[in-house]
Amino acid sequence: MKPPRIISAQAIDDRTLLINFSNQDIRKYDISKLLENPLFSLLKTPQFFKNFKIEAGGYALVWTEDIDISEYELWKNGDPLTQEEMNHDLEWSSNI
């Protein structure tokens, strides 16, 4: 089964992404475990972490040529959220 594509994504704090997928799934993804890998060390900087783009076609979140996270990783290892939980997280993040 192919993973769904990324429709939109938002950093809701310095370590967490909220991702909307093409199959209507909403997932919350914590990058903390990736930070153990030196390749992802730049993501420890909040300003850098929040400055990503969605790759054309929704196949990944991209920071640089070398730093990206695939739609498969985000979908498979992200925590599913309901619309209500997503609204709560977005409301909370806007108050930071």
PDB file of N, CA and C in Angstrom:
ATOM      1  N   MET A   1       0.836  -1.193   0.000  1.00  0.00           N
ATOM      2  CA  MET A   1       0.000   0.000   0.000  1.00  0.00           C
ATOM      3  C   MET A   1       0.875   1.249   0.000  1.00  0.00           C
ATOM      4  N   LYS A   2       0.548   2.153  -0.884  1.00  0.00           N
ATOM      5  CA  LYS A   2       1.303   3.399  -0.961  1.00  0.00           C
ATOM      6  C   LYS A   2       0.860   4.337   0.158  1.00  0.00           C
ATOM      7  N   PRO A   3       1.823   5.027   0.766  1.00  0.00           N
ATOM      8  CA  PRO A   3       1.416   6.003   1.783  1.00  0.00           C
ATOM      9  C   PRO A   3       0.741   7.210   1.124  1.00  0.00           C
ATOM     10  N   PRO A   4      -0.142   7.866   1.851  1.00  0.00           N
ATOM     11  CA  PRO A   4      -0.786   9.061   1.293  1.00  0.00           C
ATOM     12  C   PRO A   4       0.223  10.194   1.145  1.00  0.00           C
ATOM     13  N   ARG A   5      -0.096  11.152   0.321  1.00  0.00           N
ATOM     14  CA  ARG A   5       0.775  12.315   0.099  1.00  0.00           C
ATOM     15  C   ARG A   5       0.498  13.398   1.141  1.00  0.00           C
ATOM     16  N   ILE A   6       1.490  14.235   1.347  1.00  0.00           N
ATOM     17  CA  ILE A   6       1.368  15.357   2.279  1.00  0.00           C
ATOM     18  C   ILE A   6       0.615  16.481   1.581  1.00  0.00           C
ATOM     19  N   ILE A   7      -0.444  16.943   2.216  1.00  0.00           N
ATOM     20  CA  ILE A   7      -1.229  18.068   1.694  1.00  0.00           C
ATOM     21  C   ILE A   7      -0.760  19.372   2.344  1.00  0.00           C
ATOM     22  N   SER A   8      -0.580  19.338   3.670  1.00  0.00           N
ATOM     23  CA  SER A   8      -0.090  20.512   4.392  1.00  0.00           C
ATOM     24  C   SER A   8       0.638  20.047   5.643  1.00  0.00           C
ATOM     25  N   ALA A   9       1.484  20.926   6.156  1.00  0.00           N
ATOM     26  CA  ALA A   9       2.235  20.600   7.364  1.00  0.00           C
ATOM     27  C   ALA A   9       2.556  21.885   8.104  1.00  0.00           C
ATOM     28  N   GLN A  10       2.679  21.752   9.421  1.00  0.00           N
ATOM     29  CA  GLN A  10       2.949  22.915  10.258  1.00  0.00           C
ATOM     30  C   GLN A  10       3.763  22.464  11.467  1.00  0.00           C
ATOM     31  N   ALA A  11       4.758  23.259  11.836  1.00  0.00           N
ATOM     32  CA  ALA A  11       5.483  23.017  13.081  1.00  0.00           C
ATOM     33  C   ALA A  11       4.646  23.629  14.201  1.00  0.00           C
ATOM     34  N   ILE A  12       4.275  22.816  15.204  1.00  0.00           N
ATOM     35  CA  ILE A  12       3.435  23.340  16.287  1.00  0.00           C
ATOM     36  C   ILE A  12       4.249  23.646  17.541  1.00  0.00           C
ATOM     37  N   ASP A  13       5.518  23.229  17.561  1.00  0.00           N
ATOM     38  CA  ASP A  13       6.466  23.657  18.590  1.00  0.00           C
ATOM     39  C   ASP A  13       7.865  23.397  18.029  1.00  0.00           C
ATOM     40  N   ASP A  14       8.875  23.335  18.867  1.00  0.00           N
ATOM     41  CA  ASP A  14      10.245  23.197  18.366  1.00  0.00           C
ATOM     42  C   ASP A  14      10.637  21.779  17.984  1.00  0.00           C
ATOM     43  N   ARG A  15       9.740  20.815  18.172  1.00  0.00           N
ATOM     44  CA  ARG A  15      10.058  19.414  17.879  1.00  0.00           C
ATOM     45  C   ARG A  15       8.920  18.652  17.203  1.00  0.00           C
ATOM     46  N   THR A  16       7.759  19.282  17.044  1.00  0.00           N
ATOM     47  CA  THR A  16       6.579  18.543  16.599  1.00  0.00           C
ATOM     48  C   THR A  16       5.980  19.127  15.333  1.00  0.00           C
ATOM     49  N   LEU A  17       5.635  18.222  14.419  1.00  0.00           N
ATOM     50  CA  LEU A  17       4.976  18.589  13.165  1.00  0.00           C
ATOM     51  C   LEU A  17       3.548  18.069  13.167  1.00  0.00           C
ATOM     52  N   LEU A  18       2.653  18.836  12.593  1.00  0.00           N
ATOM     53  CA  LEU A  18       1.272  18.422  12.373  1.00  0.00           C
ATOM     54  C   LEU A  18       1.101  18.309  10.867  1.00  0.00           C
ATOM     55  N   ILE A  19       0.744  17.121  10.383  1.00  0.00           N
ATOM     56  CA  ILE A  19       0.701  16.874   8.948  1.00  0.00           C
ATOM     57  C   ILE A  19      -0.682  16.416   8.524  1.00  0.00           C
ATOM     58  N   ASN A  20      -1.201  17.023   7.463  1.00  0.00           N
ATOM     59  CA  ASN A  20      -2.464  16.597   6.838  1.00  0.00           C
ATOM     60  C   ASN A  20      -2.107  15.819   5.576  1.00  0.00           C
ATOM     61  N   PHE A  21      -2.703  14.631   5.440  1.00  0.00           N
ATOM     62  CA  PHE A  21      -2.413  13.764   4.303  1.00  0.00           C
ATOM     63  C   PHE A  21      -3.584  13.696   3.331  1.00  0.00           C
ATOM     64  N   SER A  22      -3.276  13.209   2.130  1.00  0.00           N
ATOM     65  CA  SER A  22      -4.274  13.154   1.054  1.00  0.00           C
ATOM     66  C   SER A  22      -5.421  12.189   1.335  1.00  0.00           C
ATOM     67  N   ASN A  23      -5.259  11.279   2.291  1.00  0.00           N
ATOM     68  CA  ASN A  23      -6.336  10.345   2.632  1.00  0.00           C
ATOM     69  C   ASN A  23      -7.165  10.840   3.828  1.00  0.00           C
ATOM     70  N   GLN A  24      -7.028  12.122   4.171  1.00  0.00           N
ATOM     71  CA  GLN A  24      -7.737  12.776   5.270  1.00  0.00           C
ATOM     72  C   GLN A  24      -7.129  12.475   6.640  1.00  0.00           C
ATOM     73  N   ASP A  25      -6.071  11.660   6.706  1.00  0.00           N
ATOM     74  CA  ASP A  25      -5.389  11.418   7.981  1.00  0.00           C
ATOM     75  C   ASP A  25      -4.693  12.684   8.443  1.00  0.00           C
ATOM     76  N   ILE A  26      -4.681  12.860   9.746  1.00  0.00           N
ATOM     77  CA  ILE A  26      -3.944  13.950  10.385  1.00  0.00           C
ATOM     78  C   ILE A  26      -3.000  13.278  11.380  1.00  0.00           C
ATOM     79  N   ARG A  27      -1.709  13.556  11.261  1.00  0.00           N
ATOM     80  CA  ARG A  27      -0.740  12.909  12.145  1.00  0.00           C
ATOM     81  C   ARG A  27       0.156  13.947  12.804  1.00  0.00           C
ATOM     82  N   LYS A  28       0.535  13.615  14.035  1.00  0.00           N
ATOM     83  CA  LYS A  28       1.486  14.441  14.775  1.00  0.00           C
ATOM     84  C   LYS A  28       2.799  13.666  14.809  1.00  0.00           C
ATOM     85  N   TYR A  29       3.893  14.317  14.411  1.00  0.00           N
ATOM     86  CA  TYR A  29       5.184  13.642  14.311  1.00  0.00           C
ATOM     87  C   TYR A  29       6.217  14.398  15.145  1.00  0.00           C
ATOM     88  N   ASP A  30       6.827  13.668  16.075  1.00  0.00           N
ATOM     89  CA  ASP A  30       7.872  14.231  16.944  1.00  0.00           C
ATOM     90  C   ASP A  30       9.230  13.865  16.352  1.00  0.00           C
ATOM     91  N   ILE A  31      10.053  14.877  16.064  1.00  0.00           N
ATOM     92  CA  ILE A  31      11.354  14.637  15.430  1.00  0.00           C
ATOM     93  C   ILE A  31      12.450  14.265  16.426  1.00  0.00           C
ATOM     94  N   SER A  32      12.158  14.205  17.718  1.00  0.00           N
ATOM     95  CA  SER A  32      13.188  14.001  18.743  1.00  0.00           C
ATOM     96  C   SER A  32      14.107  12.815  18.443  1.00  0.00           C
ATOM     97  N   LYS A  33      13.521  11.687  18.012  1.00  0.00           N
ATOM     98  CA  LYS A  33      14.372  10.511  17.767  1.00  0.00           C
ATOM     99  C   LYS A  33      15.315  10.723  16.584  1.00  0.00           C
ATOM    100  N   LEU A  34      14.927  11.560  15.629  1.00  0.00           N
ATOM    101  CA  LEU A  34      15.803  11.835  14.485  1.00  0.00           C
ATOM    102  C   LEU A  34      17.031  12.646  14.893  1.00  0.00           C
ATOM    103  N   LEU A  35      16.901  13.414  15.959  1.00  0.00           N
ATOM    104  CA  LEU A  35      17.990  14.306  16.368  1.00  0.00           C
ATOM    105  C   LEU A  35      19.215  13.543  16.867  1.00  0.00           C
ATOM    106  N   GLU A  36      19.064  12.244  17.133  1.00  0.00           N
ATOM    107  CA  GLU A  36      20.206  11.417  17.516  1.00  0.00           C
ATOM    108  C   GLU A  36      21.140  11.214  16.330  1.00  0.00           C
ATOM    109  N   ASN A  37      20.620  11.367  15.119  1.00  0.00           N
ATOM    110  CA  ASN A  37      21.410  11.210  13.905  1.00  0.00           C
ATOM    111  C   ASN A  37      22.039  12.561  13.551  1.00  0.00           C
ATOM    112  N   PRO A  38      23.378  12.621  13.425  1.00  0.00           N
ATOM    113  CA  PRO A  38      24.049  13.895  13.110  1.00  0.00           C
ATOM    114  C   PRO A  38      23.518  14.571  11.845  1.00  0.00           C
ATOM    115  N   LEU A  39      23.013  13.795  10.897  1.00  0.00           N
ATOM    116  CA  LEU A  39      22.464  14.359   9.665  1.00  0.00           C
ATOM    117  C   LEU A  39      21.344  15.361   9.960  1.00  0.00           C
ATOM    118  N   PHE A  40      20.576  15.106  11.031  1.00  0.00           N
ATOM    119  CA  PHE A  40      19.431  15.949  11.361  1.00  0.00           C
ATOM    120  C   PHE A  40      19.736  17.001  12.438  1.00  0.00           C
ATOM    121  N   SER A  41      20.992  17.177  12.792  1.00  0.00           N
ATOM    122  CA  SER A  41      21.342  18.064  13.913  1.00  0.00           C
ATOM    123  C   SER A  41      20.870  19.514  13.720  1.00  0.00           C
ATOM    124  N   LEU A  42      20.809  19.992  12.494  1.00  0.00           N
ATOM    125  CA  LEU A  42      20.336  21.365  12.257  1.00  0.00           C
ATOM    126  C   LEU A  42      18.887  21.567  12.701  1.00  0.00           C
ATOM    127  N   LEU A  43      18.119  20.465  12.754  1.00  0.00           N
ATOM    128  CA  LEU A  43      16.716  20.577  13.165  1.00  0.00           C
ATOM    129  C   LEU A  43      16.571  20.920  14.644  1.00  0.00           C
ATOM    130  N   LYS A  44      17.666  20.872  15.399  1.00  0.00           N
ATOM    131  CA  LYS A  44      17.628  21.270  16.811  1.00  0.00           C
ATOM    132  C   LYS A  44      17.426  22.772  16.961  1.00  0.00           C
ATOM    133  N   THR A  45      17.730  23.527  15.924  1.00  0.00           N
ATOM    134  CA  THR A  45      17.557  24.977  15.935  1.00  0.00           C
ATOM    135  C   THR A  45      16.113  25.292  15.548  1.00  0.00           C
ATOM    136  N   PRO A  46      15.322  25.837  16.484  1.00  0.00           N
ATOM    137  CA  PRO A  46      13.889  26.054  16.207  1.00  0.00           C
ATOM    138  C   PRO A  46      13.614  26.827  14.919  1.00  0.00           C
ATOM    139  N   GLN A  47      14.371  27.875  14.650  1.00  0.00           N
ATOM    140  CA  GLN A  47      14.139  28.678  13.456  1.00  0.00           C
ATOM    141  C   GLN A  47      14.361  27.848  12.196  1.00  0.00           C
ATOM    142  N   PHE A  48      15.384  27.012  12.203  1.00  0.00           N
ATOM    143  CA  PHE A  48      15.666  26.140  11.053  1.00  0.00           C
ATOM    144  C   PHE A  48      14.572  25.082  10.916  1.00  0.00           C
ATOM    145  N   PHE A  49      14.213  24.465  12.033  1.00  0.00           N
ATOM    146  CA  PHE A  49      13.196  23.410  12.029  1.00  0.00           C
ATOM    147  C   PHE A  49      11.886  23.887  11.406  1.00  0.00           C
ATOM    148  N   LYS A  50      11.490  25.099  11.706  1.00  0.00           N
ATOM    149  CA  LYS A  50      10.193  25.611  11.242  1.00  0.00           C
ATOM    150  C   LYS A  50      10.220  26.088   9.790  1.00  0.00           C
ATOM    151  N   ASN A  51      11.397  26.046   9.166  1.00  0.00           N
ATOM    152  CA  ASN A  51      11.550  26.580   7.812  1.00  0.00           C
ATOM    153  C   ASN A  51      11.688  25.449   6.784  1.00  0.00           C
ATOM    154  N   PHE A  52      10.606  24.695   6.573  1.00  0.00           N
ATOM    155  CA  PHE A  52      10.612  23.599   5.603  1.00  0.00           C
ATOM    156  C   PHE A  52       9.631  23.878   4.482  1.00  0.00           C
ATOM    157  N   LYS A  53       9.759  23.097   3.428  1.00  0.00           N
ATOM    158  CA  LYS A  53       8.819  23.156   2.312  1.00  0.00           C
ATOM    159  C   LYS A  53       8.287  21.742   2.078  1.00  0.00           C
ATOM    160  N   ILE A  54       7.117  21.664   1.494  1.00  0.00           N
ATOM    161  CA  ILE A  54       6.579  20.364   1.081  1.00  0.00           C
ATOM    162  C   ILE A  54       7.084  20.110  -0.333  1.00  0.00           C
ATOM    163  N   GLU A  55       7.727  18.970  -0.516  1.00  0.00           N
ATOM    164  CA  GLU A  55       8.237  18.612  -1.833  1.00  0.00           C
ATOM    165  C   GLU A  55       7.084  18.516  -2.827  1.00  0.00           C
ATOM    166  N   ALA A  56       7.339  18.914  -4.064  1.00  0.00           N
ATOM    167  CA  ALA A  56       6.317  18.829  -5.111  1.00  0.00           C
ATOM    168  C   ALA A  56       5.741  17.419  -5.147  1.00  0.00           C
ATOM    169  N   GLY A  57       4.442  17.314  -5.162  1.00  0.00           N
ATOM    170  CA  GLY A  57       3.780  16.012  -5.170  1.00  0.00           C
ATOM    171  C   GLY A  57       3.472  15.491  -3.778  1.00  0.00           C
ATOM    172  N   GLY A  58       3.980  16.169  -2.741  1.00  0.00           N
ATOM    173  CA  GLY A  58       3.679  15.772  -1.370  1.00  0.00           C
ATOM    174  C   GLY A  58       4.448  14.555  -0.891  1.00  0.00           C
ATOM    175  N   TYR A  59       5.657  14.343  -1.434  1.00  0.00           N
ATOM    176  CA  TYR A  59       6.431  13.148  -1.098  1.00  0.00           C
ATOM    177  C   TYR A  59       7.340  13.299   0.114  1.00  0.00           C
ATOM    178  N   ALA A  60       7.535  14.520   0.600  1.00  0.00           N
ATOM    179  CA  ALA A  60       8.444  14.719   1.740  1.00  0.00           C
ATOM    180  C   ALA A  60       8.336  16.147   2.249  1.00  0.00           C
ATOM    181  N   LEU A  61       8.818  16.338   3.475  1.00  0.00           N
ATOM    182  CA  LEU A  61       9.094  17.681   3.981  1.00  0.00           C
ATOM    183  C   LEU A  61      10.586  17.885   3.789  1.00  0.00           C
ATOM    184  N   VAL A  62      10.963  19.044   3.248  1.00  0.00           N
ATOM    185  CA  VAL A  62      12.354  19.288   2.873  1.00  0.00           C
ATOM    186  C   VAL A  62      12.869  20.557   3.540  1.00  0.00           C
ATOM    187  N   TRP A  63      14.045  20.445   4.142  1.00  0.00           N
ATOM    188  CA  TRP A  63      14.725  21.596   4.729  1.00  0.00           C
ATOM    189  C   TRP A  63      15.886  22.029   3.838  1.00  0.00           C
ATOM    190  N   THR A  64      16.715  21.074   3.454  1.00  0.00           N
ATOM    191  CA  THR A  64      17.842  21.340   2.564  1.00  0.00           C
ATOM    192  C   THR A  64      17.951  20.159   1.603  1.00  0.00           C
ATOM    193  N   GLU A  65      18.931  20.230   0.720  1.00  0.00           N
ATOM    194  CA  GLU A  65      19.178  19.131  -0.220  1.00  0.00           C
ATOM    195  C   GLU A  65      19.435  17.819   0.524  1.00  0.00           C
ATOM    196  N   ASP A  66      20.028  17.913   1.712  1.00  0.00           N
ATOM    197  CA  ASP A  66      20.399  16.721   2.473  1.00  0.00           C
ATOM    198  C   ASP A  66      19.432  16.365   3.603  1.00  0.00           C
ATOM    199  N   ILE A  67      18.549  17.276   3.977  1.00  0.00           N
ATOM    200  CA  ILE A  67      17.664  17.037   5.125  1.00  0.00           C
ATOM    201  C   ILE A  67      16.215  17.036   4.663  1.00  0.00           C
ATOM    202  N   ASP A  68      15.597  15.868   4.761  1.00  0.00           N
ATOM    203  CA  ASP A  68      14.170  15.750   4.448  1.00  0.00           C
ATOM    204  C   ASP A  68      13.599  14.563   5.227  1.00  0.00           C
ATOM    205  N   ILE A  69      12.281  14.529   5.319  1.00  0.00           N
ATOM    206  CA  ILE A  69      11.576  13.413   5.954  1.00  0.00           C
ATOM    207  C   ILE A  69      10.478  12.986   4.981  1.00  0.00           C
ATOM    208  N   SER A  70      10.488  11.708   4.626  1.00  0.00           N
ATOM    209  CA  SER A  70       9.551  11.203   3.615  1.00  0.00           C
ATOM    210  C   SER A  70       8.120  11.150   4.141  1.00  0.00           C
ATOM    211  N   GLU A  71       7.195  11.165   3.207  1.00  0.00           N
ATOM    212  CA  GLU A  71       5.774  11.038   3.566  1.00  0.00           C
ATOM    213  C   GLU A  71       5.534   9.693   4.241  1.00  0.00           C
ATOM    214  N   TYR A  72       6.266   8.657   3.837  1.00  0.00           N
ATOM    215  CA  TYR A  72       6.111   7.334   4.438  1.00  0.00           C
ATOM    216  C   TYR A  72       6.485   7.361   5.919  1.00  0.00           C
ATOM    217  N   GLU A  73       7.635   7.948   6.241  1.00  0.00           N
ATOM    218  CA  GLU A  73       8.086   8.051   7.630  1.00  0.00           C
ATOM    219  C   GLU A  73       7.088   8.849   8.466  1.00  0.00           C
ATOM    220  N   LEU A  74       6.643   9.981   7.961  1.00  0.00           N
ATOM    221  CA  LEU A  74       5.717  10.845   8.694  1.00  0.00           C
ATOM    222  C   LEU A  74       4.377  10.152   8.933  1.00  0.00           C
ATOM    223  N   TRP A  75       3.897   9.431   7.928  1.00  0.00           N
ATOM    224  CA  TRP A  75       2.599   8.768   8.042  1.00  0.00           C
ATOM    225  C   TRP A  75       2.695   7.513   8.900  1.00  0.00           C
ATOM    226  N   LYS A  76       3.707   6.675   8.642  1.00  0.00           N
ATOM    227  CA  LYS A  76       3.840   5.404   9.358  1.00  0.00           C
ATOM    228  C   LYS A  76       4.138   5.619  10.840  1.00  0.00           C
ATOM    229  N   ASN A  77       4.995   6.580  11.170  1.00  0.00           N
ATOM    230  CA  ASN A  77       5.440   6.775  12.550  1.00  0.00           C
ATOM    231  C   ASN A  77       4.828   7.982  13.244  1.00  0.00           C
ATOM    232  N   GLY A  78       3.961   8.694  12.548  1.00  0.00           N
ATOM    233  CA  GLY A  78       3.238   9.795  13.177  1.00  0.00           C
ATOM    234  C   GLY A  78       2.060   9.267  13.976  1.00  0.00           C
ATOM    235  N   ASP A  79       1.676  10.011  14.991  1.00  0.00           N
ATOM    236  CA  ASP A  79       0.524   9.622  15.811  1.00  0.00           C
ATOM    237  C   ASP A  79      -0.754  10.172  15.187  1.00  0.00           C
ATOM    238  N   PRO A  80      -1.738   9.301  14.897  1.00  0.00           N
ATOM    239  CA  PRO A  80      -3.004   9.770  14.315  1.00  0.00           C
ATOM    240  C   PRO A  80      -3.743  10.710  15.272  1.00  0.00           C
ATOM    241  N   LEU A  81      -4.342  11.743  14.708  1.00  0.00           N
ATOM    242  CA  LEU A  81      -5.126  12.691  15.495  1.00  0.00           C
ATOM    243  C   LEU A  81      -6.526  12.797  14.918  1.00  0.00           C
ATOM    244  N   THR A  82      -7.467  13.122  15.789  1.00  0.00           N
ATOM    245  CA  THR A  82      -8.805  13.472  15.321  1.00  0.00           C
ATOM    246  C   THR A  82      -8.791  14.963  14.976  1.00  0.00           C
ATOM    247  N   GLN A  83      -9.819  15.412  14.287  1.00  0.00           N
ATOM    248  CA  GLN A  83      -9.935  16.832  13.958  1.00  0.00           C
ATOM    249  C   GLN A  83      -9.953  17.666  15.238  1.00  0.00           C
ATOM    250  N   GLU A  84     -10.640  17.176  16.256  1.00  0.00           N
ATOM    251  CA  GLU A  84     -10.728  17.895  17.530  1.00  0.00           C
ATOM    252  C   GLU A  84      -9.350  18.028  18.184  1.00  0.00           C
ATOM    253  N   GLU A  85      -8.574  16.936  18.188  1.00  0.00           N
ATOM    254  CA  GLU A  85      -7.222  16.989  18.759  1.00  0.00           C
ATOM    255  C   GLU A  85      -6.338  17.953  17.976  1.00  0.00           C
ATOM    256  N   MET A  86      -6.486  17.938  16.647  1.00  0.00           N
ATOM    257  CA  MET A  86      -5.699  18.843  15.812  1.00  0.00           C
ATOM    258  C   MET A  86      -6.040  20.292  16.138  1.00  0.00           C
ATOM    259  N   ASN A  87      -7.313  20.605  16.255  1.00  0.00           N
ATOM    260  CA  ASN A  87      -7.717  21.973  16.575  1.00  0.00           C
ATOM    261  C   ASN A  87      -7.148  22.391  17.925  1.00  0.00           C
ATOM    262  N   HIS A  88      -7.132  21.497  18.901  1.00  0.00           N
ATOM    263  CA  HIS A  88      -6.576  21.794  20.217  1.00  0.00           C
ATOM    264  C   HIS A  88      -5.080  22.079  20.098  1.00  0.00           C
ATOM    265  N   ASP A  89      -4.336  21.252  19.351  1.00  0.00           N
ATOM    266  CA  ASP A  89      -2.895  21.456  19.191  1.00  0.00           C
ATOM    267  C   ASP A  89      -2.600  22.758  18.469  1.00  0.00           C
ATOM    268  N   LEU A  90      -3.394  23.079  17.458  1.00  0.00           N
ATOM    269  CA  LEU A  90      -3.172  24.337  16.731  1.00  0.00           C
ATOM    270  C   LEU A  90      -3.475  25.532  17.624  1.00  0.00           C
ATOM    271  N   GLU A  91      -4.532  25.419  18.412  1.00  0.00           N
ATOM    272  CA  GLU A  91      -4.882  26.503  19.324  1.00  0.00           C
ATOM    273  C   GLU A  91      -3.779  26.696  20.350  1.00  0.00           C
ATOM    274  N   TRP A  92      -3.273  25.593  20.886  1.00  0.00           N
ATOM    275  CA  TRP A  92      -2.205  25.650  21.871  1.00  0.00           C
ATOM    276  C   TRP A  92      -0.947  26.271  21.262  1.00  0.00           C
ATOM    277  N   SER A  93      -0.578  25.861  20.031  1.00  0.00           N
ATOM    278  CA  SER A  93       0.647  26.367  19.407  1.00  0.00           C
ATOM    279  C   SER A  93       0.541  27.862  19.090  1.00  0.00           C
ATOM    280  N   SER A  94      -0.648  28.353  18.800  1.00  0.00           N
ATOM    281  CA  SER A  94      -0.792  29.775  18.475  1.00  0.00           C
ATOM    282  C   SER A  94      -0.675  30.652  19.719  1.00  0.00           C
ATOM    283  N   ASN A  95      -0.751  30.049  20.892  1.00  0.00           N
ATOM    284  CA  ASN A  95      -0.625  30.807  22.140  1.00  0.00           C
ATOM    285  C   ASN A  95       0.803  30.850  22.671  1.00  0.00           C
ATOM    286  N   ILE A  96       1.718  30.189  21.977  1.00  0.00           N
ATOM    287  CA  ILE A  96       3.113  30.157  22.432  1.00  0.00           C
ATOM    288  C   ILE A  96       3.791  31.481  22.136  1.00  0.00           C
TER     289      ILE A  96
END
